[in-house]
Protein backbone atom coordinates (compact mmCIF):
# COMPACT_ATOMS: atom_id res chain seq x y z
CA UNK A 1 -21.26 3.80 -51.19
CA UNK A 2 -19.80 0.46 -50.01
CA UNK A 3 -16.26 1.82 -50.62
CA UNK A 4 -16.95 4.82 -48.39
CA UNK A 5 -18.35 2.59 -45.66
CA UNK A 6 -15.28 0.36 -45.86
CA UNK A 7 -13.04 3.42 -45.60
CA UNK A 8 -14.88 4.53 -42.48
CA UNK A 9 -14.53 1.06 -40.92
CA UNK A 10 -10.81 0.99 -41.72
CA UNK A 11 -10.31 4.45 -40.29
CA UNK A 12 -12.21 3.63 -37.10
CA UNK A 13 -10.19 0.44 -36.72
CA UNK A 14 -6.94 2.37 -37.04
CA UNK A 15 -8.12 4.99 -34.55
CA UNK A 16 -9.18 2.29 -32.09
CA UNK A 17 -5.86 0.44 -32.48
CA UNK A 18 -3.82 3.59 -31.92
CA UNK A 19 -5.94 4.54 -28.91
CA UNK A 20 -5.42 1.13 -27.29
CA UNK A 21 -1.70 1.30 -28.07
CA UNK A 22 -1.22 4.70 -26.48
CA UNK A 23 -2.95 3.52 -23.31
CA UNK A 24 -0.76 0.42 -23.12
CA UNK A 25 2.52 2.22 -23.66
CA UNK A 26 1.56 4.93 -21.19
CA UNK A 27 2.13 2.39 -18.41
CA UNK A 28 5.89 2.97 -18.60
CA UNK A 29 8.37 5.76 -19.18
CA UNK A 30 8.96 4.67 -22.76
CA UNK A 31 5.49 6.06 -23.40
CA UNK A 32 4.55 9.01 -25.56
CA UNK A 33 3.42 10.93 -22.48
CA UNK A 34 6.32 11.62 -20.12
CA UNK A 35 9.98 11.00 -19.35
CA UNK A 36 11.45 10.74 -15.85
CA UNK A 37 14.80 12.51 -15.63
CA UNK A 38 17.53 12.73 -12.99
CA UNK A 39 17.06 16.49 -12.65
CA UNK A 40 17.48 17.63 -9.00
CA UNK A 41 18.57 14.16 -7.87
CA UNK A 42 21.40 15.74 -5.83
CA UNK A 43 19.77 19.12 -5.24
CA UNK A 44 19.03 19.61 -1.54
CA UNK A 45 17.39 22.25 0.59
CA UNK A 46 19.14 24.17 3.33
CA UNK A 47 15.69 24.45 4.92
CA UNK A 48 14.00 21.01 4.89
CA UNK A 49 14.12 17.83 2.80
CA UNK A 50 11.67 14.94 2.75
CA UNK A 51 12.98 11.77 1.09
CA UNK A 52 11.24 8.45 0.48
CA UNK A 53 13.64 5.78 -0.79
CA UNK A 54 11.97 2.56 -1.99
CA UNK A 55 14.24 -0.41 -2.68
CA UNK A 56 12.28 -3.06 -4.54
CA UNK A 57 11.45 -6.54 -3.24
CA UNK A 58 13.32 -6.56 0.09
CA UNK A 59 12.05 -8.90 2.78
CA UNK A 60 12.43 -7.42 6.24
CA UNK A 61 13.53 -10.50 8.17
CA UNK A 62 16.12 -11.52 5.55
CA UNK A 63 17.44 -7.96 5.30
CA UNK A 64 17.77 -7.68 9.06
CA UNK A 65 20.17 -10.63 9.10
CA UNK A 66 22.33 -8.93 6.47
CA UNK A 67 22.05 -5.62 8.28
CA UNK A 68 23.26 -6.94 11.64
CA UNK A 69 26.56 -8.15 10.19
CA UNK A 70 27.05 -5.13 7.91
CA UNK A 71 29.78 -2.50 8.19
CA UNK A 72 27.13 0.10 7.27
CA UNK A 73 24.75 -0.46 10.19
CA UNK A 74 26.06 2.52 12.20
CA UNK A 75 24.80 4.81 9.45
CA UNK A 76 21.26 3.89 10.51
CA UNK A 77 21.58 4.59 14.22
CA UNK A 78 19.24 7.60 14.09
CA UNK A 79 16.46 5.60 12.44
CA UNK A 80 13.60 3.61 13.88
CA UNK A 81 13.19 0.17 12.35
CA UNK A 82 9.71 -1.33 12.09
CA UNK A 83 10.24 -5.07 11.51
CA UNK A 84 6.51 -5.86 11.75
CA UNK A 85 5.52 -3.95 8.61
CA UNK A 86 2.87 -5.34 6.27
CA UNK A 87 2.63 -4.27 2.65
CA UNK A 88 -0.95 -3.81 1.50
CA UNK A 89 -0.15 -5.37 -1.88
CA UNK A 90 2.20 -8.10 -3.05
CA UNK A 91 3.36 -6.39 -6.25
CA UNK A 92 4.96 -3.16 -7.35
CA UNK A 93 2.10 -2.01 -9.57
CA UNK A 94 -0.22 -1.11 -6.69
CA UNK A 95 2.37 -0.62 -3.96
CA UNK A 96 4.23 2.31 -5.48
CA UNK A 97 1.24 4.63 -6.03
CA UNK A 98 -0.05 3.67 -2.56
CA UNK A 99 3.29 4.49 -0.91
CA UNK A 100 3.47 7.88 -2.66
CA UNK A 101 -0.17 8.98 -2.61
CA UNK A 102 -1.65 7.09 0.33
CA UNK A 103 -4.62 5.98 -1.80
CA UNK A 104 -5.16 2.24 -2.43
CA UNK A 105 -6.57 0.59 -5.55
CA UNK A 106 -9.65 -1.63 -5.19
CA UNK A 107 -10.48 -1.96 -8.90
CA UNK A 108 -13.08 0.81 -8.93
CA UNK A 109 -11.53 2.21 -12.09
CA UNK A 110 -9.19 1.28 -14.90
CA UNK A 111 -5.63 1.24 -13.53
CA UNK A 112 -4.46 4.45 -15.18
CA UNK A 113 -7.63 6.25 -14.08
CA UNK A 114 -7.04 5.02 -10.52
CA UNK A 115 -3.37 6.05 -10.69
CA UNK A 116 -4.10 9.63 -11.69
CA UNK A 117 -6.96 9.97 -9.20
CA UNK A 118 -4.72 8.60 -6.43
CA UNK A 119 -2.06 11.22 -7.07
CA UNK A 120 -4.45 14.10 -7.74
CA UNK A 121 -6.36 13.39 -4.50
CA UNK A 122 -3.37 12.67 -2.27
CA UNK A 123 -3.52 14.49 1.06
CA UNK A 124 0.24 14.10 1.38
CA UNK A 125 1.08 15.55 -2.03
CA UNK A 126 -1.40 18.37 -1.42
CA UNK A 127 0.33 19.13 1.88
CA UNK A 128 3.72 19.24 0.12
CA UNK A 129 2.28 21.70 -2.40
CA UNK A 130 0.73 23.81 0.36
CA UNK A 131 4.02 23.82 2.29
CA UNK A 132 5.82 24.95 -0.89
CA UNK A 133 7.99 21.88 -1.43
CA UNK A 134 9.53 21.24 -4.82
CA UNK A 135 8.42 17.76 -5.83
CA UNK A 136 10.67 15.26 -7.61
CA UNK A 137 9.59 11.66 -8.31
CA UNK A 138 12.19 9.21 -9.59
CA UNK A 139 10.23 6.16 -10.67
CA UNK A 140 10.80 4.52 -14.04
CA UNK A 141 7.12 3.52 -14.31
CA UNK A 142 5.53 6.82 -13.32
CA UNK A 143 2.05 7.24 -14.85
CA UNK A 144 0.90 10.57 -13.39
CA UNK A 145 -0.15 12.52 -16.48
CA UNK A 146 -2.81 15.01 -15.33
CA UNK A 147 -2.45 18.77 -15.29
CA UNK A 148 -1.65 18.60 -11.57
CA UNK A 149 1.31 16.29 -12.30
CA UNK A 150 3.22 19.29 -13.61
CA UNK A 151 4.17 20.15 -10.05
CA UNK A 152 6.91 17.53 -10.47
CA UNK A 153 10.20 19.20 -11.31
CA UNK A 154 12.08 16.28 -12.84
CA UNK A 155 9.41 15.07 -15.28
CA UNK A 156 9.38 16.08 -18.93
CA UNK A 157 5.89 15.84 -20.38
CA UNK A 158 5.80 15.14 -24.09
CA UNK A 159 2.63 17.14 -24.63
CA UNK A 160 1.61 20.60 -23.48
CA UNK A 161 -1.41 21.34 -21.35
CA UNK A 162 -3.33 22.91 -24.23
CA UNK A 163 -2.78 19.93 -26.53
CA UNK A 164 -3.67 17.31 -23.93
CA UNK A 165 -2.52 13.73 -23.61
CA UNK A 166 -4.31 12.69 -26.82
CA UNK A 167 -1.99 14.93 -28.86
CA UNK A 168 0.45 12.05 -29.58
CA UNK A 169 -2.47 9.93 -30.83
CA UNK A 170 -3.68 12.69 -33.11
CA UNK A 171 -0.18 13.26 -34.46
CA UNK A 172 0.18 9.53 -35.12
CA UNK A 173 -3.14 9.57 -36.99
CA UNK A 174 -2.06 12.61 -38.97
CA UNK A 175 1.18 10.92 -39.97
CA UNK A 176 -0.57 7.68 -40.95
CA UNK A 177 -3.23 9.67 -42.77
CA UNK A 178 -0.81 11.50 -45.03
CA UNK A 179 1.06 8.30 -45.78
CA UNK A 180 -1.67 5.66 -46.13
CA UNK A 181 -5.25 6.88 -45.66
CA UNK A 182 -5.67 10.51 -46.84
CA UNK A 183 -9.47 10.15 -46.66
CA UNK A 184 -9.17 10.26 -42.86
CA UNK A 185 -9.01 14.07 -43.15
CA UNK A 186 -12.52 14.03 -44.62
CA UNK A 187 -13.76 12.24 -41.53
CA UNK A 188 -11.57 14.16 -39.04
CA UNK A 189 -10.75 17.52 -40.71
CA UNK A 190 -9.31 18.96 -37.46
CA UNK A 191 -6.32 16.60 -37.82
CA UNK A 192 -4.96 18.83 -40.56
CA UNK A 193 -4.52 21.64 -38.03
CA UNK A 194 -2.87 19.55 -35.30
CA UNK A 195 0.55 21.08 -34.62
CA UNK A 196 2.94 18.14 -34.88
CA UNK A 197 5.94 19.94 -36.32
CA UNK A 198 7.82 20.34 -33.06
CA UNK A 199 8.70 17.16 -31.21
CA UNK A 200 9.13 17.67 -27.47
CA UNK A 201 10.61 14.20 -27.27
CA UNK A 202 13.67 15.33 -29.20
CA UNK A 203 14.51 17.66 -26.33
CA UNK A 204 14.97 14.75 -23.91
CA UNK A 205 18.57 13.63 -23.76
CA UNK A 206 18.94 9.91 -23.08
CA UNK A 207 21.68 10.64 -20.55
CA UNK A 208 19.14 12.62 -18.50
CA UNK A 209 16.70 9.73 -18.10
CA UNK A 210 16.37 8.19 -14.66
CA UNK A 211 17.31 4.54 -14.33
CA UNK A 212 16.08 2.45 -11.42
CA UNK A 213 19.19 0.26 -11.61
CA UNK A 214 21.07 0.14 -8.29
CA UNK A 215 24.47 0.66 -9.90
CA UNK A 216 23.21 3.64 -11.90
CA UNK A 217 21.84 5.21 -8.72
CA UNK A 218 25.15 4.59 -6.98
CA UNK A 219 26.85 6.46 -9.84
CA UNK A 220 24.39 9.35 -9.45
CA UNK A 221 25.35 9.58 -5.77
CA UNK A 222 29.08 9.46 -6.47
CA UNK A 223 29.26 11.59 -9.59
CA UNK A 224 26.41 14.08 -9.82
CA UNK A 225 27.29 17.57 -8.56
CA UNK A 226 25.51 18.53 -5.34
CA UNK A 227 23.59 21.80 -5.41
CA UNK A 228 21.66 23.65 -2.74
CA UNK A 229 18.50 25.72 -2.58
CA UNK A 230 16.50 27.39 0.16
CA UNK A 231 13.36 25.86 -1.37
CA UNK A 232 12.13 22.80 0.54
CA UNK A 233 12.68 19.56 -1.37
CA UNK A 234 10.68 16.33 -1.70
CA UNK A 235 12.20 13.31 -3.41
CA UNK A 236 10.73 9.88 -4.04
CA UNK A 237 13.33 7.40 -5.34
CA UNK A 238 12.46 3.87 -6.48
CA UNK A 239 15.37 1.54 -7.24
CA UNK A 240 15.68 -2.07 -8.38
CA UNK A 241 16.69 -3.17 -4.87
CA UNK A 242 16.65 -6.97 -4.73
CA UNK A 243 14.30 -7.60 -7.61
CA UNK A 244 15.28 -10.70 -9.64
CA UNK A 245 17.25 -11.46 -11.72
CA UNK A 246 20.28 -11.15 -9.43
CA UNK A 247 23.30 -9.66 -11.20
CA UNK A 248 25.29 -7.74 -8.56
CA UNK A 249 27.79 -8.59 -5.87
CA UNK A 250 27.72 -7.00 -2.42
CA UNK A 251 29.92 -4.10 -3.52
CA UNK A 252 27.60 -2.96 -6.34
CA UNK A 253 29.62 -4.53 -9.12
CA UNK A 254 27.85 -6.11 -12.08
CA UNK A 255 28.44 -9.87 -12.13
CA UNK A 256 27.11 -12.98 -13.80
CA UNK A 257 23.91 -14.33 -12.25
CA UNK A 258 25.70 -17.44 -11.01
CA UNK A 259 27.97 -15.18 -8.91
CA UNK A 260 25.11 -13.25 -7.35
CA UNK A 261 22.29 -14.07 -4.93
CA UNK A 262 19.47 -12.50 -2.97
CA UNK A 263 21.84 -11.96 -0.03
CA UNK A 264 24.49 -10.26 -2.18
CA UNK A 265 21.89 -7.97 -3.70
CA UNK A 266 20.72 -7.05 -0.20
CA UNK A 267 24.33 -6.20 0.66
CA UNK A 268 24.49 -4.09 -2.49
CA UNK A 269 21.24 -2.30 -1.61
CA UNK A 270 22.53 -1.63 1.89
CA UNK A 271 25.68 -0.09 0.43
CA UNK A 272 23.54 2.05 -1.90
CA UNK A 273 21.35 3.31 0.95
CA UNK A 274 24.35 3.96 3.18
CA UNK A 275 26.05 5.90 0.39
CA UNK A 276 22.97 8.08 0.03
CA UNK A 277 22.94 8.76 3.78
CA UNK A 278 26.66 9.62 3.57
CA UNK A 279 25.87 12.04 0.75
CA UNK A 280 23.39 13.86 2.99
CA UNK A 281 25.82 13.93 5.93
CA UNK A 282 28.80 15.11 3.89
CA UNK A 283 26.75 18.00 2.54
CA UNK A 284 25.27 18.98 5.92
CA UNK A 285 21.66 18.28 4.97
CA UNK A 286 21.19 15.05 6.93
CA UNK A 287 19.83 16.62 10.14
CA UNK A 288 17.19 18.70 8.36
CA UNK A 289 15.94 15.74 6.34
CA UNK A 290 13.11 13.26 6.89
CA UNK A 291 14.20 9.89 5.48
CA UNK A 292 11.86 6.95 4.91
CA UNK A 293 13.40 3.73 3.60
CA UNK A 294 11.00 0.96 2.65
CA UNK A 295 10.32 -1.70 0.02
CA UNK A 296 7.21 -2.01 -2.10
CA UNK A 297 6.91 -5.63 -0.93
CA UNK A 298 9.11 -8.46 0.30
CA UNK A 299 10.16 -11.56 -1.57
CA UNK A 300 9.66 -15.29 -1.04
CA UNK A 301 11.55 -17.22 -3.72
CA UNK A 302 9.00 -16.48 -6.41
CA UNK A 303 5.96 -17.42 -4.29
CA UNK A 304 3.03 -15.01 -4.12
CA UNK A 305 2.35 -15.37 -0.42
CA UNK A 306 5.22 -14.78 1.93
CA UNK A 307 6.31 -11.51 0.28
CA UNK A 308 4.16 -9.24 2.43
CA UNK A 309 6.83 -8.11 4.93
CA UNK A 310 8.91 -5.24 3.47
CA UNK A 311 11.57 -3.24 5.30
CA UNK A 312 10.70 0.07 6.93
CA UNK A 313 13.22 2.49 8.48
CA UNK A 314 12.31 6.09 9.35
CA UNK A 315 14.26 9.13 10.61
CA UNK A 316 12.64 12.46 11.45
CA UNK A 317 13.97 16.01 11.32
CA UNK A 318 16.88 16.47 13.76
CA UNK A 319 16.30 13.00 15.17
CA UNK A 320 19.24 11.30 16.85
CA UNK A 321 19.69 8.00 18.70
CA UNK A 322 22.63 6.29 20.35
CA UNK A 323 21.76 3.20 18.31
CA UNK A 324 19.07 1.98 15.93
CA UNK A 325 15.68 2.12 17.62
CA UNK A 326 13.49 -0.93 17.03
CA UNK A 327 9.71 -0.66 17.34
CA UNK A 328 7.31 -3.59 17.70
CA UNK A 329 4.38 -1.64 16.26
CA UNK A 330 2.25 -3.48 13.72
CA UNK A 331 2.49 -1.12 10.77
CA UNK A 332 0.85 -1.26 7.33
CA UNK A 333 1.73 0.58 4.13
CA UNK A 334 -1.78 2.02 4.50
CA UNK A 335 -0.46 3.95 7.53
CA UNK A 336 2.41 5.69 5.77
CA UNK A 337 0.53 8.69 4.38
CA UNK A 338 -0.66 9.76 7.86
CA UNK A 339 2.87 9.20 9.18
CA UNK A 340 4.25 11.49 6.47
CA UNK A 341 1.98 14.30 7.65
CA UNK A 342 3.19 13.87 11.23
CA UNK A 343 6.80 13.89 10.09
CA UNK A 344 6.14 17.12 8.17
CA UNK A 345 4.91 18.55 11.49
CA UNK A 346 8.22 17.63 13.12
CA UNK A 347 7.23 14.42 14.90
CA UNK A 348 10.03 11.93 15.55
CA UNK A 349 10.01 8.50 13.94
CA UNK A 350 10.20 6.74 17.30
CA UNK A 351 6.89 8.40 18.30
CA UNK A 352 4.91 7.31 15.25
CA UNK A 353 2.11 4.72 15.27
CA UNK A 354 1.55 4.99 19.03
CA UNK A 355 -2.18 4.40 18.55
CA UNK A 356 -1.65 0.84 17.29
CA UNK A 357 -2.15 -1.94 19.82
CA UNK A 358 -0.50 -5.35 19.89
CA UNK A 359 -3.74 -7.09 18.86
CA UNK A 360 -4.19 -4.99 15.74
CA UNK A 361 -5.64 -6.80 12.68
CA UNK A 362 -4.33 -5.63 9.30
CA UNK A 363 -5.47 -6.19 5.72
CA UNK A 364 -3.67 -7.52 2.64
CA UNK A 365 -4.80 -7.58 -0.99
CA UNK A 366 -3.90 -10.65 -3.05
CA UNK A 367 -3.94 -10.95 -6.82
CA UNK A 368 -2.10 -12.71 -9.61
CA UNK A 369 0.47 -10.69 -11.55
CA UNK A 370 -1.02 -9.50 -14.87
CA UNK A 371 -4.46 -10.60 -13.67
CA UNK A 372 -5.00 -7.61 -11.37
CA UNK A 373 -8.69 -7.21 -12.19
CA UNK A 374 -9.42 -9.94 -9.62
CA UNK A 375 -8.37 -8.94 -6.09
CA UNK A 376 -9.00 -10.89 -2.90
CA UNK A 377 -8.92 -9.36 0.59
CA UNK A 378 -7.16 -11.10 3.49
CA UNK A 379 -6.82 -10.17 7.15
CA UNK A 380 -3.74 -10.80 9.23
CA UNK A 381 -4.20 -11.28 12.97
CA UNK A 382 -0.54 -11.76 13.79
CA UNK A 383 2.92 -10.64 12.74
CA UNK A 384 3.63 -9.54 9.18
CA UNK A 385 5.76 -12.61 8.45
CA UNK A 386 3.16 -15.12 9.70
CA UNK A 387 1.75 -16.35 6.39
CA UNK A 388 -0.28 -19.07 8.13
CA UNK A 389 -2.35 -16.39 9.87
CA UNK A 390 -3.56 -14.76 6.65
CA UNK A 391 -7.30 -15.41 6.30
CA UNK A 392 -9.70 -14.58 3.46
CA UNK A 393 -12.44 -12.13 4.46
CA UNK A 394 -14.75 -13.19 1.63
CA UNK A 395 -14.48 -9.76 0.05
CA UNK A 396 -13.27 -9.47 -3.56
CA UNK A 397 -12.65 -6.49 -5.83
CA UNK A 398 -13.30 -7.29 -9.48
CA UNK A 399 -13.44 -5.39 -12.77
């Protein structure tokens, strides 16, 4: 009797360990759940394209200095630049799903539960589906694993809808069971009938996987064949941008860290963005494309505060300017989802955010990296770069 009880305890411990493991690894694209590929990266619509390009960790004021002396600045003349943009979060983890879905995280749920709810309940993504856009999301840490996530064209899911996301866990248990604990099949007889013979993962070629590295994305732009479709296209692209460590020069060459810097990586990111714009122009799909260029957050030499002012440049469909338009509107990443809907309706970038007044008060969520279950709300009555004007509201979001 005691032996049987011990076997049950051991089995339950193994099941629990595997379950925890699968949830941890599912937070990145090395998980057992999905792979992000480069499929459709250079496939564009002759009808309409909607592109969101996020370059990581770029501070707006620092970037503007690099931009003004850059040989690429004329490529941005049709855009509107919003220097007074406030990120709602200070880290990538929350910023990326907010920028895509429009839904913020306030610790109501476990992170992965929040993530999937945010995407499944996104008004913007629903509008893209309704308007018959093909959806492609190039983010190396994508976690959208629900049935609805299969609208994405460039994602390979390593489980089918009938099997569900627990299929990899069950297959792992089945494998461990046959090798070490055969009595597990007495406790969970259904494991014997789990179809684990065919591995979807084997179908994913490593060369197809999306890399967020700036240089890799530059190579995609230069080398991937451009194709066209009459189907409307949505692309979200998240690249390394100016995220430390610094290992590039201004011409997108890999160099030793001592030969790089934040400024050089900004120059490299500017070249990458300009090359992407050139790609659209060369292939006659620039005019019929909405382009949003932003960062998930800024950067302040490793400090938590002071990284709340990311870049934001927007161009609408058939929008042209004689030179870069600069708006003084006080914008928040919380506003982007509504702006996307207006851009889908044909509104110009220079006409966005007209409802915001100069005395607008915005909100920022602070937390410590890897301690995200404790969030603190701040208000900002001032410009996005004015750290001294950030004030605690007294509201916290804890799990």
